[in-house]
Amino acid sequence: MNAMVMLADGAHAVNGRLYILGGGIRSVVAGMPYSVVAKVEVDYLEATANHTYGLTLHDDTGEAVSFDENAVALSFSGGTGIPGGHPVGMPIDVMFAFTAPQLPLDPGIYEWRLSVDSAESAGGSVRFSVVPPPASNL
């Protein structure tokens, strides 16, 4: 399955469409909200099967980021079905967006990795940097 993952200032997935504000960012300020957006092309012949989609946050060494011994990850399962009138053989898209948890991440490089049925998906990751908040002039 092909996939695309990106960061944005904000995003929602509604009725098979992605609504993205400030998409394609590569740098976030520590402690500030941002969204993670993903689109997965499910093969037509696999559309009626249930799949498990997961996103896990990794640091620049490739290790999963964890807090209180819990990995920073989310997952959900489901099937897409085949909408009426959908052309035979055309992939069916699964899209989702979520606001990333405001974690106390140290400045550095991180990566959200997408998996489908426990296997990493082609194109399914996004590397980004966390930068410290700007100094206050107060």
C-alpha atoms as a PDB file:
ATOM      1  CA  MET A   1       0.000   0.000   0.000  1.00  0.00           C
ATOM      2  CA  ASN A   2       1.235   3.468  -0.854  1.00  0.00           C
ATOM      3  CA  ALA A   3       0.899   6.178   1.753  1.00  0.00           C
ATOM      4  CA  MET A   4       1.582   9.824   2.443  1.00  0.00           C
ATOM      5  CA  VAL A   5       2.181  11.360   5.858  1.00  0.00           C
ATOM      6  CA  MET A   6       2.601  15.069   6.526  1.00  0.00           C
ATOM      7  CA  LEU A   7       2.485  17.580   9.341  1.00  0.00           C
ATOM      8  CA  ALA A   8       0.232  20.617   9.334  1.00  0.00           C
ATOM      9  CA  ASP A   9      -0.749  23.504  11.558  1.00  0.00           C
ATOM     10  CA  GLY A  10      -4.223  21.950  11.673  1.00  0.00           C
ATOM     11  CA  ALA A  11      -6.221  19.276   9.830  1.00  0.00           C
ATOM     12  CA  HIS A  12      -9.441  17.275   9.802  1.00  0.00           C
ATOM     13  CA  ALA A  13     -10.525  14.199   7.859  1.00  0.00           C
ATOM     14  CA  VAL A  14     -14.251  14.320   7.114  1.00  0.00           C
ATOM     15  CA  ASN A  15     -16.287  12.158   4.736  1.00  0.00           C
ATOM     16  CA  GLY A  16     -13.293  10.972   2.730  1.00  0.00           C
ATOM     17  CA  ARG A  17     -11.694  14.409   2.399  1.00  0.00           C
ATOM     18  CA  LEU A  18      -8.735  16.029   4.100  1.00  0.00           C
ATOM     19  CA  TYR A  19      -9.041  19.641   5.210  1.00  0.00           C
ATOM     20  CA  ILE A  20      -5.490  20.865   5.810  1.00  0.00           C
ATOM     21  CA  LEU A  21      -4.310  24.233   7.142  1.00  0.00           C
ATOM     22  CA  GLY A  22      -0.615  25.013   6.810  1.00  0.00           C
ATOM     23  CA  GLY A  23       0.279  21.581   5.433  1.00  0.00           C
ATOM     24  CA  GLY A  24       3.794  20.390   4.765  1.00  0.00           C
ATOM     25  CA  ILE A  25       5.555  21.886   7.777  1.00  0.00           C
ATOM     26  CA  ARG A  26       8.861  20.321   8.830  1.00  0.00           C
ATOM     27  CA  SER A  27       9.442  22.170  12.081  1.00  0.00           C
ATOM     28  CA  VAL A  28       7.269  22.511  15.175  1.00  0.00           C
ATOM     29  CA  VAL A  29       7.768  24.555  18.313  1.00  0.00           C
ATOM     30  CA  ALA A  30       8.120  22.473  21.476  1.00  0.00           C
ATOM     31  CA  GLY A  31       4.844  22.425  23.374  1.00  0.00           C
ATOM     32  CA  MET A  32       2.743  23.872  20.527  1.00  0.00           C
ATOM     33  CA  PRO A  33      -0.050  21.907  18.829  1.00  0.00           C
ATOM     34  CA  TYR A  34       0.270  20.509  15.316  1.00  0.00           C
ATOM     35  CA  SER A  35      -1.542  17.887  13.280  1.00  0.00           C
ATOM     36  CA  VAL A  36      -0.423  14.629  11.696  1.00  0.00           C
ATOM     37  CA  VAL A  37      -2.168  13.789   8.418  1.00  0.00           C
ATOM     38  CA  ALA A  38      -2.100  10.480   6.551  1.00  0.00           C
ATOM     39  CA  LYS A  39      -3.571   9.110   3.326  1.00  0.00           C
ATOM     40  CA  VAL A  40      -3.264   5.407   2.537  1.00  0.00           C
ATOM     41  CA  GLU A  41      -4.131   3.941  -0.861  1.00  0.00           C
ATOM     42  CA  VAL A  42      -5.818   0.602  -0.208  1.00  0.00           C
ATOM     43  CA  ASP A  43      -5.746  -1.791  -3.163  1.00  0.00           C
ATOM     44  CA  TYR A  44      -9.190  -2.394  -4.639  1.00  0.00           C
ATOM     45  CA  LEU A  45      -8.990  -6.127  -3.902  1.00  0.00           C
ATOM     46  CA  GLU A  46      -8.150  -5.456  -0.222  1.00  0.00           C
ATOM     47  CA  ALA A  47     -10.788  -2.799   0.356  1.00  0.00           C
ATOM     48  CA  THR A  48     -13.301  -5.036   2.084  1.00  0.00           C
ATOM     49  CA  ALA A  49     -10.757  -6.571   4.493  1.00  0.00           C
ATOM     50  CA  ASN A  50     -10.076  -5.058   7.901  1.00  0.00           C
ATOM     51  CA  HIS A  51      -6.668  -3.439   8.284  1.00  0.00           C
ATOM     52  CA  THR A  52      -4.882  -2.016  11.312  1.00  0.00           C
ATOM     53  CA  TYR A  53      -3.326   1.413  10.800  1.00  0.00           C
ATOM     54  CA  GLY A  54      -0.743   2.718  13.253  1.00  0.00           C
ATOM     55  CA  LEU A  55       1.447   5.768  13.768  1.00  0.00           C
ATOM     56  CA  THR A  56       4.466   5.698  16.080  1.00  0.00           C
ATOM     57  CA  LEU A  57       6.784   8.549  17.015  1.00  0.00           C
ATOM     58  CA  HIS A  58      10.543   7.844  16.742  1.00  0.00           C
ATOM     59  CA  ASP A  59      13.596   9.905  17.720  1.00  0.00           C
ATOM     60  CA  ASP A  60      16.640  10.614  15.548  1.00  0.00           C
ATOM     61  CA  THR A  61      18.255   7.305  16.550  1.00  0.00           C
ATOM     62  CA  GLY A  62      15.221   5.358  15.300  1.00  0.00           C
ATOM     63  CA  GLU A  63      14.030   4.419  18.798  1.00  0.00           C
ATOM     64  CA  ALA A  64      10.337   4.740  19.604  1.00  0.00           C
ATOM     65  CA  VAL A  65       9.658   7.753  21.834  1.00  0.00           C
ATOM     66  CA  SER A  66       8.041   6.772  25.107  1.00  0.00           C
ATOM     67  CA  PHE A  67       6.795   8.435  28.274  1.00  0.00           C
ATOM     68  CA  ASP A  68       6.159   6.504  31.478  1.00  0.00           C
ATOM     69  CA  GLU A  69       7.300   3.390  29.566  1.00  0.00           C
ATOM     70  CA  ASN A  70       4.484   3.813  27.009  1.00  0.00           C
ATOM     71  CA  ALA A  71       5.348   4.351  23.347  1.00  0.00           C
ATOM     72  CA  VAL A  72       3.875   7.444  21.723  1.00  0.00           C
ATOM     73  CA  ALA A  73       1.617   5.678  19.235  1.00  0.00           C
ATOM     74  CA  LEU A  74      -1.936   5.329  18.076  1.00  0.00           C
ATOM     75  CA  SER A  75      -3.734   2.715  16.065  1.00  0.00           C
ATOM     76  CA  PHE A  76      -7.167   1.881  14.739  1.00  0.00           C
ATOM     77  CA  SER A  77      -8.694  -0.899  12.662  1.00  0.00           C
ATOM     78  CA  GLY A  78     -11.315  -1.009   9.977  1.00  0.00           C
ATOM     79  CA  GLY A  79     -12.214  -1.737   6.392  1.00  0.00           C
ATOM     80  CA  THR A  80     -13.007   0.801   3.706  1.00  0.00           C
ATOM     81  CA  GLY A  81     -15.609  -1.065   1.723  1.00  0.00           C
ATOM     82  CA  ILE A  82     -16.145  -0.215  -1.921  1.00  0.00           C
ATOM     83  CA  PRO A  83     -18.374   2.796  -2.596  1.00  0.00           C
ATOM     84  CA  GLY A  84     -21.104   2.334  -5.192  1.00  0.00           C
ATOM     85  CA  GLY A  85     -19.922   3.353  -8.650  1.00  0.00           C
ATOM     86  CA  HIS A  86     -16.228   3.188  -7.717  1.00  0.00           C
ATOM     87  CA  PRO A  87     -14.206   2.088 -10.784  1.00  0.00           C
ATOM     88  CA  VAL A  88     -12.984  -1.504 -10.605  1.00  0.00           C
ATOM     89  CA  GLY A  89      -9.251  -1.631  -9.948  1.00  0.00           C
ATOM     90  CA  MET A  90      -8.918   1.942  -8.595  1.00  0.00           C
ATOM     91  CA  PRO A  91      -7.386   2.153  -5.110  1.00  0.00           C
ATOM     92  CA  ILE A  92      -9.580   3.376  -2.279  1.00  0.00           C
ATOM     93  CA  ASP A  93      -8.174   6.014   0.057  1.00  0.00           C
ATOM     94  CA  VAL A  94      -8.178   5.872   3.836  1.00  0.00           C
ATOM     95  CA  MET A  95      -7.511   9.313   5.286  1.00  0.00           C
ATOM     96  CA  PHE A  96      -7.056  10.433   8.828  1.00  0.00           C
ATOM     97  CA  ALA A  97      -5.791  13.411  10.773  1.00  0.00           C
ATOM     98  CA  PHE A  98      -5.209  14.008  14.457  1.00  0.00           C
ATOM     99  CA  THR A  99      -3.795  16.700  16.679  1.00  0.00           C
ATOM    100  CA  ALA A 100      -0.496  15.430  18.045  1.00  0.00           C
ATOM    101  CA  PRO A 101      -0.321  15.237  21.833  1.00  0.00           C
ATOM    102  CA  GLN A 102       1.523  18.134  23.428  1.00  0.00           C
ATOM    103  CA  LEU A 103       4.479  16.175  24.734  1.00  0.00           C
ATOM    104  CA  PRO A 104       7.566  17.557  26.461  1.00  0.00           C
ATOM    105  CA  LEU A 105       9.830  16.736  23.514  1.00  0.00           C
ATOM    106  CA  ASP A 106      13.420  17.951  23.599  1.00  0.00           C
ATOM    107  CA  PRO A 107      14.582  19.961  20.599  1.00  0.00           C
ATOM    108  CA  GLY A 108      15.823  17.581  17.908  1.00  0.00           C
ATOM    109  CA  ILE A 109      14.733  15.469  14.960  1.00  0.00           C
ATOM    110  CA  TYR A 110      11.779  13.087  15.156  1.00  0.00           C
ATOM    111  CA  GLU A 111       9.762  10.939  12.762  1.00  0.00           C
ATOM    112  CA  TRP A 112       6.158   9.757  12.657  1.00  0.00           C
ATOM    113  CA  ARG A 113       6.060   6.285  11.002  1.00  0.00           C
ATOM    114  CA  LEU A 114       2.923   4.781   9.528  1.00  0.00           C
ATOM    115  CA  SER A 115       2.292   1.055   9.551  1.00  0.00           C
ATOM    116  CA  VAL A 116      -0.481  -0.978   7.972  1.00  0.00           C
ATOM    117  CA  ASP A 117      -1.052  -4.417   9.450  1.00  0.00           C
ATOM    118  CA  SER A 118       2.227  -4.037  11.406  1.00  0.00           C
ATOM    119  CA  ALA A 119       4.309  -3.408   8.254  1.00  0.00           C
ATOM    120  CA  GLU A 120       5.735   0.012   7.436  1.00  0.00           C
ATOM    121  CA  SER A 121       4.050   1.508   4.413  1.00  0.00           C
ATOM    122  CA  ALA A 122       5.846   2.957   1.369  1.00  0.00           C
ATOM    123  CA  GLY A 123       6.050   6.725   1.796  1.00  0.00           C
ATOM    124  CA  GLY A 124       4.478   6.409   5.201  1.00  0.00           C
ATOM    125  CA  SER A 125       6.697   8.569   7.350  1.00  0.00           C
ATOM    126  CA  VAL A 126       7.559  12.194   7.956  1.00  0.00           C
ATOM    127  CA  ARG A 127      10.714  13.534   9.603  1.00  0.00           C
ATOM    128  CA  PHE A 128      10.550  16.859  11.377  1.00  0.00           C
ATOM    129  CA  SER A 129      12.386  18.976  13.889  1.00  0.00           C
ATOM    130  CA  VAL A 130      11.258  20.247  17.251  1.00  0.00           C
ATOM    131  CA  VAL A 131      12.639  23.667  18.060  1.00  0.00           C
ATOM    132  CA  PRO A 132      12.609  25.515  21.401  1.00  0.00           C
ATOM    133  CA  PRO A 133      10.000  28.232  21.904  1.00  0.00           C
ATOM    134  CA  PRO A 134      11.193  31.730  21.056  1.00  0.00           C
ATOM    135  CA  ALA A 135      12.668  33.742  23.919  1.00  0.00           C
ATOM    136  CA  SER A 136      10.193  36.063  25.597  1.00  0.00           C
ATOM    137  CA  ASN A 137      10.877  39.794  25.553  1.00  0.00           C
ATOM    138  CA  LEU A 138       8.979  40.356  28.792  1.00  0.00           C
END
